[in-house]
Amino acid sequence: MNHTAYEEDFIPWVETQAALLRDRKFDLLDIPNLYVELTSMASHIRHQLSSHLCVLEVHLLKCRYQPLRKSRSWRKTMLEQRSRIELLIRRYPSLRHDLADEAEGVYPTAARKAARETGLAQAVLPTTLPFTPAELLDFDFEP
């Protein structure tokens, strides 16, 4: 396989790889670059989950620590993030098993952002994620 095709134009390269797979011409596959792309796909999907969790956590913290400022916009953002998380989990069920770890992993960033957006000292916020995976996914949960 001409490995420069991968660098020159990604779309035709992908289409060629798919055709080679379909036709079971495994010896012609660009294995090193296929490996890179497949692992990148999984990483990208996990990044999407983490990103939605972070935005959700920021808004849950804002609701908990500034309840009088809770707004329709905050509620809409939480609904949107939960909807996107739900869609990702429906499309990629194995993400449900990673949800707690991903949520805990992004929490420090979410806490920093929430502190910055609210003007609260970061020390006021918990050092560990104060929400359960079930609460994160619960469309009716609002602190």
Protein backbone atom coordinates (compact mmCIF):
# COMPACT_ATOMS: atom_id res chain seq x y z
CA MET A 1 0.00 0.00 0.00
CA ASN A 2 1.24 3.46 -0.86
CA HIS A 3 1.53 5.05 2.60
CA THR A 4 1.73 8.55 1.13
CA ALA A 5 -1.98 8.35 0.20
CA TYR A 6 -2.76 8.66 3.90
CA GLU A 7 -0.87 11.95 4.15
CA GLU A 8 -2.05 13.31 0.78
CA ASP A 9 -5.83 12.98 1.06
CA PHE A 10 -7.51 11.29 3.97
CA ILE A 11 -10.97 10.68 2.46
CA PRO A 12 -9.84 8.62 -0.54
CA TRP A 13 -7.46 6.76 1.77
CA VAL A 14 -10.35 5.81 4.08
CA GLU A 15 -12.53 4.77 1.14
CA THR A 16 -9.70 2.62 -0.22
CA GLN A 17 -9.14 0.99 3.17
CA ALA A 18 -12.86 0.26 3.51
CA ALA A 19 -12.96 -1.31 0.03
CA LEU A 20 -9.91 -3.44 0.82
CA LEU A 21 -11.56 -4.65 4.02
CA ARG A 22 -14.83 -5.38 2.21
CA ASP A 23 -12.96 -7.31 -0.46
CA ARG A 24 -10.87 -9.13 2.19
CA LYS A 25 -7.61 -7.91 0.68
CA PHE A 26 -5.98 -7.72 4.08
CA ASP A 27 -2.44 -7.88 2.76
CA LEU A 28 -2.97 -4.52 1.00
CA LEU A 29 -4.24 -2.67 4.06
CA ASP A 30 -2.27 0.23 5.51
CA ILE A 31 -2.14 -1.37 8.97
CA PRO A 32 0.03 1.23 10.78
CA ASN A 33 -2.19 4.13 9.75
CA LEU A 34 -5.40 2.14 10.29
CA TYR A 35 -4.22 1.47 13.84
CA VAL A 36 -3.57 5.18 14.38
CA GLU A 37 -6.99 6.14 13.07
CA LEU A 38 -8.91 3.49 15.00
CA THR A 39 -7.28 4.39 18.31
CA SER A 40 -7.82 8.05 17.51
CA MET A 41 -11.53 7.40 16.93
CA ALA A 42 -11.92 5.82 20.37
CA SER A 43 -9.99 8.67 21.96
CA HIS A 44 -12.17 11.25 20.17
CA ILE A 45 -15.37 9.58 21.39
CA ARG A 46 -14.10 9.53 24.98
CA HIS A 47 -13.12 13.17 24.63
CA GLN A 48 -16.68 14.01 23.57
CA LEU A 49 -18.02 12.29 26.67
CA SER A 50 -15.54 14.09 28.91
CA SER A 51 -16.34 17.44 27.35
CA HIS A 52 -20.09 17.06 27.88
CA LEU A 53 -19.53 15.82 31.44
CA CYS A 54 -17.34 18.82 32.23
CA VAL A 55 -19.93 21.34 31.02
CA LEU A 56 -22.65 19.49 32.92
CA GLU A 57 -20.58 19.41 36.12
CA VAL A 58 -19.88 23.14 35.88
CA HIS A 59 -23.58 23.89 35.68
CA LEU A 60 -24.50 21.47 38.46
CA LEU A 61 -21.93 23.16 40.70
CA LYS A 62 -23.26 26.59 39.78
CA CYS A 63 -26.78 25.44 40.65
CA ARG A 64 -25.67 23.99 43.98
CA TYR A 65 -23.52 26.94 45.07
CA GLN A 66 -25.52 29.78 43.56
CA PRO A 67 -29.13 28.54 43.72
CA LEU A 68 -30.59 32.04 43.59
CA ARG A 69 -28.91 32.61 40.23
CA LYS A 70 -30.23 29.37 38.73
CA SER A 71 -31.56 30.29 35.33
CA ARG A 72 -33.45 28.87 32.39
CA SER A 73 -30.20 29.02 30.44
CA TRP A 74 -28.39 26.85 33.02
CA ARG A 75 -31.25 24.33 32.92
CA LYS A 76 -31.18 24.30 29.15
CA THR A 77 -27.42 23.68 29.16
CA MET A 78 -27.79 20.78 31.61
CA LEU A 79 -30.56 19.28 29.48
CA GLU A 80 -28.44 19.59 26.34
CA GLN A 81 -25.35 18.04 27.93
CA ARG A 82 -27.34 15.14 29.39
CA SER A 83 -29.00 14.57 26.03
CA ARG A 84 -25.63 14.43 24.30
CA ILE A 85 -24.21 12.11 26.98
CA GLU A 86 -27.26 9.85 26.65
CA LEU A 87 -26.85 9.74 22.87
CA LEU A 88 -23.16 8.84 23.16
CA ILE A 89 -23.94 6.05 25.62
CA ARG A 90 -26.76 4.76 23.42
CA ARG A 91 -24.44 4.75 20.41
CA TYR A 92 -21.43 3.38 22.36
CA PRO A 93 -22.81 1.35 25.32
CA SER A 94 -19.35 0.58 26.73
CA LEU A 95 -19.06 4.26 27.69
CA ARG A 96 -21.54 3.64 30.52
CA HIS A 97 -18.83 1.58 32.25
CA ASP A 98 -16.36 4.47 31.92
CA LEU A 99 -18.75 7.21 33.00
CA ALA A 100 -17.68 7.41 36.66
CA ASP A 101 -13.96 7.53 35.82
CA GLU A 102 -14.46 10.09 33.05
CA ALA A 103 -16.66 12.24 35.31
CA GLU A 104 -14.11 12.14 38.14
CA GLY A 105 -11.29 12.83 35.70
CA VAL A 106 -12.80 16.07 34.43
CA TYR A 107 -14.03 17.27 37.82
CA PRO A 108 -10.94 19.35 38.72
CA THR A 109 -11.35 21.26 35.46
CA ALA A 110 -15.09 21.66 36.04
CA ALA A 111 -14.48 22.97 39.56
CA ARG A 112 -11.93 25.51 38.29
CA LYS A 113 -14.34 26.70 35.61
CA ALA A 114 -17.26 26.87 38.04
CA ALA A 115 -15.17 28.89 40.49
CA ARG A 116 -14.14 31.27 37.74
CA GLU A 117 -17.69 31.65 36.39
CA THR A 118 -19.28 32.17 39.81
CA GLY A 119 -16.55 34.25 41.41
CA LEU A 120 -16.41 31.77 44.30
CA ALA A 121 -13.11 30.70 45.78
CA GLN A 122 -12.20 27.26 44.51
CA ALA A 123 -11.68 26.20 48.15
CA VAL A 124 -15.45 26.52 48.64
CA LEU A 125 -16.08 23.73 46.14
CA PRO A 126 -15.57 20.06 47.00
CA THR A 127 -12.22 18.57 46.04
CA THR A 128 -13.92 15.45 44.68
CA LEU A 129 -16.94 15.07 42.44
CA PRO A 130 -20.04 15.59 44.61
CA PHE A 131 -22.46 13.99 42.13
CA THR A 132 -23.06 10.31 41.46
CA PRO A 133 -23.11 8.88 37.95
CA ALA A 134 -26.86 8.34 38.39
CA GLU A 135 -27.35 12.02 39.26
CA LEU A 136 -25.27 13.10 36.28
CA LEU A 137 -27.54 11.11 33.96
CA ASP A 138 -30.83 11.96 35.71
CA PHE A 139 -32.69 14.57 33.67
CA ASP A 140 -34.75 15.46 36.77
CA PHE A 141 -31.79 15.89 39.13
CA GLU A 142 -30.99 19.47 39.90
CA PRO A 143 -29.15 20.50 43.06
